[in-house]
């Protein structure tokens, strides 16, 4: 089954820009979203500024992608926690999120079968959060959000 997946950690705000977040944290993001930066039609206008550290490296299971993201964030945990608390106090909703995004049956994704799992080709379907990840989420007040999409076309054979 083809699977395409990635993980990221993000801080979001209606009023604090991603550039300001980067300055406060001393860490440049991999990706940003600027509030109101897109045309409303046909795409929605982002309602939040977003600062993100992302791992999109193919062939890694979600655990490994998250570990790579957290390896970069760990030295900044105290600053991230302080900023997330400030952003949480400025507006409703959690400002910090660890996001996992997975697309199954994505024709452009790498092919993977459960029987492919070896030391060189990990099982991309299962994943877990270890104590280090849970401690980071707790310290920063982050939530975990997992989005999974089945891209099987309606006319695919069963």
Protein backbone atom coordinates (compact mmCIF):
# COMPACT_ATOMS: atom_id res chain seq x y z
CA UNK A 1 0.00 0.00 0.00
CA UNK A 2 1.46 3.38 -0.91
CA UNK A 3 1.89 5.66 2.08
CA UNK A 4 3.06 9.25 2.26
CA UNK A 5 3.53 10.71 5.72
CA UNK A 6 5.18 13.54 7.55
CA UNK A 7 5.29 15.07 11.00
CA UNK A 8 5.74 18.58 12.27
CA UNK A 9 5.61 20.73 15.37
CA UNK A 10 3.92 24.10 15.02
CA UNK A 11 3.18 27.20 17.01
CA UNK A 12 0.20 29.25 15.85
CA UNK A 13 -1.10 32.72 16.60
CA UNK A 14 -3.53 35.30 15.26
CA UNK A 15 -1.28 38.19 16.29
CA UNK A 16 2.32 36.98 16.67
CA UNK A 17 3.97 36.42 13.28
CA UNK A 18 6.14 33.41 12.47
CA UNK A 19 9.08 35.80 12.11
CA UNK A 20 8.49 37.10 15.65
CA UNK A 21 8.24 33.54 16.95
CA UNK A 22 11.55 32.67 15.27
CA UNK A 23 13.20 35.69 16.90
CA UNK A 24 11.84 34.80 20.33
CA UNK A 25 12.91 31.15 20.01
CA UNK A 26 16.22 31.72 18.25
CA UNK A 27 15.21 28.99 15.81
CA UNK A 28 14.26 29.50 12.17
CA UNK A 29 11.25 27.49 11.00
CA UNK A 30 11.23 25.11 8.06
CA UNK A 31 7.86 26.42 6.93
CA UNK A 32 5.58 29.32 7.82
CA UNK A 33 2.08 30.46 7.15
CA UNK A 34 1.24 34.15 7.19
CA UNK A 35 -2.24 35.05 8.36
CA UNK A 36 -4.37 36.29 5.50
CA UNK A 37 -1.63 35.61 2.93
CA UNK A 38 -3.69 33.68 0.41
CA UNK A 39 -6.49 34.61 -1.92
CA UNK A 40 -9.87 33.60 -0.47
CA UNK A 41 -11.07 31.92 -3.67
CA UNK A 42 -10.61 29.03 -4.35
CA UNK A 43 -8.27 28.51 -1.38
CA UNK A 44 -9.12 29.45 2.17
CA UNK A 45 -7.26 32.34 3.80
CA UNK A 46 -5.09 31.13 6.69
CA UNK A 47 -6.56 32.39 9.93
CA UNK A 48 -3.32 31.98 11.86
CA UNK A 49 0.36 32.73 11.58
CA UNK A 50 2.15 29.41 11.86
CA UNK A 51 5.80 28.55 12.65
CA UNK A 52 6.74 24.92 11.84
CA UNK A 53 9.61 22.48 12.17
CA UNK A 54 8.93 19.64 9.72
CA UNK A 55 10.27 16.21 8.78
CA UNK A 56 9.08 15.01 5.37
CA UNK A 57 11.87 12.50 4.82
CA UNK A 58 10.45 9.46 2.99
CA UNK A 59 11.15 5.95 4.21
CA UNK A 60 11.00 6.86 7.89
CA UNK A 61 8.27 5.66 10.19
CA UNK A 62 6.34 8.32 12.09
CA UNK A 63 8.35 7.64 15.27
CA UNK A 64 11.56 8.50 13.43
CA UNK A 65 10.09 11.60 11.82
CA UNK A 66 8.90 12.85 15.21
CA UNK A 67 12.30 12.04 16.74
CA UNK A 68 14.03 14.16 14.10
CA UNK A 69 11.68 17.06 14.73
CA UNK A 70 12.15 16.82 18.49
CA UNK A 71 15.94 16.52 18.20
CA UNK A 72 15.92 19.99 16.68
CA UNK A 73 13.42 21.37 19.21
CA UNK A 74 14.77 19.84 22.43
CA UNK A 75 17.44 22.50 23.07
CA UNK A 76 14.68 25.13 22.85
CA UNK A 77 12.07 23.39 25.03
CA UNK A 78 11.98 26.08 27.74
CA UNK A 79 11.64 28.90 25.20
CA UNK A 80 8.96 26.98 23.26
CA UNK A 81 7.04 26.31 26.48
CA UNK A 82 7.20 29.98 27.50
CA UNK A 83 6.09 31.18 24.06
CA UNK A 84 3.30 28.58 23.84
CA UNK A 85 2.02 29.66 27.27
CA UNK A 86 2.08 33.31 26.19
CA UNK A 87 0.23 32.52 22.95
CA UNK A 88 -2.31 30.35 24.81
CA UNK A 89 -3.02 33.30 27.14
CA UNK A 90 -3.48 35.72 24.23
CA UNK A 91 -6.14 33.74 22.41
CA UNK A 92 -8.26 30.61 22.83
CA UNK A 93 -7.07 27.18 21.80
CA UNK A 94 -3.72 25.47 22.13
CA UNK A 95 -0.96 27.33 20.29
CA UNK A 96 1.38 24.33 20.14
CA UNK A 97 0.70 21.16 18.19
CA UNK A 98 2.58 18.05 17.16
CA UNK A 99 0.97 17.05 13.88
CA UNK A 100 1.17 13.73 12.06
CA UNK A 101 -0.21 13.65 8.51
CA UNK A 102 -0.60 10.38 6.62
CA UNK A 103 -1.95 9.67 3.14
CA UNK A 104 -2.76 6.07 2.31
CA UNK A 105 -3.08 4.82 -1.28
CA UNK A 106 -1.33 7.94 -2.54
CA UNK A 107 -0.21 7.08 -6.05
CA UNK A 108 2.82 9.36 -5.76
CA UNK A 109 3.92 7.87 -2.43
CA UNK A 110 6.40 5.08 -1.91
CA UNK A 111 5.01 1.57 -2.18
CA UNK A 112 5.06 -0.31 1.10
CA UNK A 113 3.69 -3.61 2.31
CA UNK A 114 3.68 -4.85 5.88
CA UNK A 115 5.88 -7.74 4.74
CA UNK A 116 8.49 -5.18 3.58
CA UNK A 117 9.45 -4.31 7.16
CA UNK A 118 13.12 -5.13 7.69
CA UNK A 119 16.04 -3.37 9.32
CA UNK A 120 16.47 -1.44 6.05
CA UNK A 121 12.75 -0.89 5.39
CA UNK A 122 10.81 -0.16 8.57
CA UNK A 123 7.11 -0.80 9.03
CA UNK A 124 5.59 2.55 8.06
CA UNK A 125 2.12 1.62 9.31
CA UNK A 126 2.69 1.35 13.05
CA UNK A 127 4.10 4.03 15.32
CA UNK A 128 4.24 5.05 18.95
CA UNK A 129 5.16 7.99 21.15
CA UNK A 130 7.96 7.37 23.61
CA UNK A 131 8.41 8.99 27.02
CA UNK A 132 10.67 11.73 25.60
CA UNK A 133 7.95 12.83 23.17
CA UNK A 134 5.25 12.74 25.85
CA UNK A 135 7.48 14.77 28.19
CA UNK A 136 8.05 17.36 25.44
CA UNK A 137 4.31 17.62 24.75
CA UNK A 138 3.64 18.05 28.46
CA UNK A 139 6.40 20.65 28.91
CA UNK A 140 5.22 22.75 25.96
CA UNK A 141 1.48 22.28 26.51
CA UNK A 142 1.22 20.92 22.97
CA UNK A 143 -1.59 18.78 21.67
CA UNK A 144 -1.21 15.81 19.34
CA UNK A 145 -3.20 15.92 16.11
CA UNK A 146 -3.18 12.98 13.69
CA UNK A 147 -4.72 13.35 10.25
CA UNK A 148 -5.05 10.22 8.11
CA UNK A 149 -6.49 10.22 4.61
CA UNK A 150 -7.42 7.29 2.38
CA UNK A 151 -6.86 8.41 -1.21
CA UNK A 152 -8.38 5.27 -2.73
CA UNK A 153 -10.37 6.41 -5.73
CA UNK A 154 -14.08 5.56 -5.75
CA UNK A 155 -13.67 3.37 -8.80
CA UNK A 156 -10.76 1.31 -7.44
CA UNK A 157 -11.18 -2.44 -7.36
CA UNK A 158 -11.70 -3.90 -3.90
